[in-house]
Amino acid sequence: MDSFWKEVRVRTVEAEALRAIDPGLHTFTNINTPTEWEKARALLSQG
């Protein structure tokens, strides 16, 4: 799964820099389970 990292450009973004545009840090919300999916849907409905 991680063998491609040598082929792509990667940039680390610190949480504080991301908070400027995403105060709740929801940008990288996982939706791998039904529970996570429901939480993500609830966030979306909040606008």
C-alpha atoms as a PDB file:
ATOM      1  CA  MET A   1       0.000   0.000   0.000  1.00  0.00           C
ATOM      2  CA  ASP A   2       2.780   2.468   0.710  1.00  0.00           C
ATOM      3  CA  SER A   3       5.139   1.601  -2.135  1.00  0.00           C
ATOM      4  CA  PHE A   4       3.896   4.564  -4.207  1.00  0.00           C
ATOM      5  CA  TRP A   5       5.155   7.283  -1.816  1.00  0.00           C
ATOM      6  CA  LYS A   6       8.434   7.566  -3.738  1.00  0.00           C
ATOM      7  CA  GLU A   7       6.419   8.417  -6.853  1.00  0.00           C
ATOM      8  CA  VAL A   8       4.310  11.267  -5.439  1.00  0.00           C
ATOM      9  CA  ARG A   9       4.979  14.672  -3.948  1.00  0.00           C
ATOM     10  CA  VAL A  10       3.941  14.844  -0.303  1.00  0.00           C
ATOM     11  CA  ARG A  11       3.506  17.957   1.782  1.00  0.00           C
ATOM     12  CA  THR A  12       2.893  17.922   5.514  1.00  0.00           C
ATOM     13  CA  VAL A  13       0.376  20.499   6.703  1.00  0.00           C
ATOM     14  CA  GLU A  14       0.341  21.277  10.406  1.00  0.00           C
ATOM     15  CA  ALA A  15      -3.040  21.284  12.144  1.00  0.00           C
ATOM     16  CA  GLU A  16      -2.777  24.951  13.083  1.00  0.00           C
ATOM     17  CA  ALA A  17      -2.300  25.967   9.449  1.00  0.00           C
ATOM     18  CA  LEU A  18      -5.319  23.906   8.456  1.00  0.00           C
ATOM     19  CA  ARG A  19      -7.465  25.456  11.189  1.00  0.00           C
ATOM     20  CA  ALA A  20      -7.334  28.760   9.295  1.00  0.00           C
ATOM     21  CA  ILE A  21      -9.651  27.249   6.669  1.00  0.00           C
ATOM     22  CA  ASP A  22     -11.141  24.346   8.650  1.00  0.00           C
ATOM     23  CA  PRO A  23     -11.511  25.315  12.329  1.00  0.00           C
ATOM     24  CA  GLY A  24     -13.111  21.977  13.250  1.00  0.00           C
ATOM     25  CA  LEU A  25     -10.506  19.949  11.326  1.00  0.00           C
ATOM     26  CA  HIS A  26     -13.232  18.071   9.470  1.00  0.00           C
ATOM     27  CA  THR A  27     -11.279  17.992   6.183  1.00  0.00           C
ATOM     28  CA  PHE A  28      -9.884  14.542   6.846  1.00  0.00           C
ATOM     29  CA  THR A  29     -12.922  12.964   8.479  1.00  0.00           C
ATOM     30  CA  ASN A  30     -13.007   9.189   8.028  1.00  0.00           C
ATOM     31  CA  ILE A  31     -16.169   7.543   6.756  1.00  0.00           C
ATOM     32  CA  ASN A  32     -15.092   3.921   6.931  1.00  0.00           C
ATOM     33  CA  THR A  33     -17.932   2.672   9.101  1.00  0.00           C
ATOM     34  CA  PRO A  34     -21.686   3.256   9.147  1.00  0.00           C
ATOM     35  CA  THR A  35     -21.278   5.268  12.364  1.00  0.00           C
ATOM     36  CA  GLU A  36     -18.616   7.513  10.808  1.00  0.00           C
ATOM     37  CA  TRP A  37     -20.806   7.932   7.730  1.00  0.00           C
ATOM     38  CA  GLU A  38     -23.723   9.106   9.863  1.00  0.00           C
ATOM     39  CA  LYS A  39     -21.484  11.573  11.716  1.00  0.00           C
ATOM     40  CA  ALA A  40     -20.233  12.942   8.383  1.00  0.00           C
ATOM     41  CA  ARG A  41     -23.795  13.316   7.107  1.00  0.00           C
ATOM     42  CA  ALA A  42     -24.728  15.189  10.269  1.00  0.00           C
ATOM     43  CA  LEU A  43     -21.776  17.555   9.745  1.00  0.00           C
ATOM     44  CA  LEU A  44     -22.856  18.181   6.159  1.00  0.00           C
ATOM     45  CA  SER A  45     -26.406  18.974   7.206  1.00  0.00           C
ATOM     46  CA  GLN A  46     -25.074  21.689   9.542  1.00  0.00           C
ATOM     47  CA  GLY A  47     -23.766  23.573   6.534  1.00  0.00           C
END
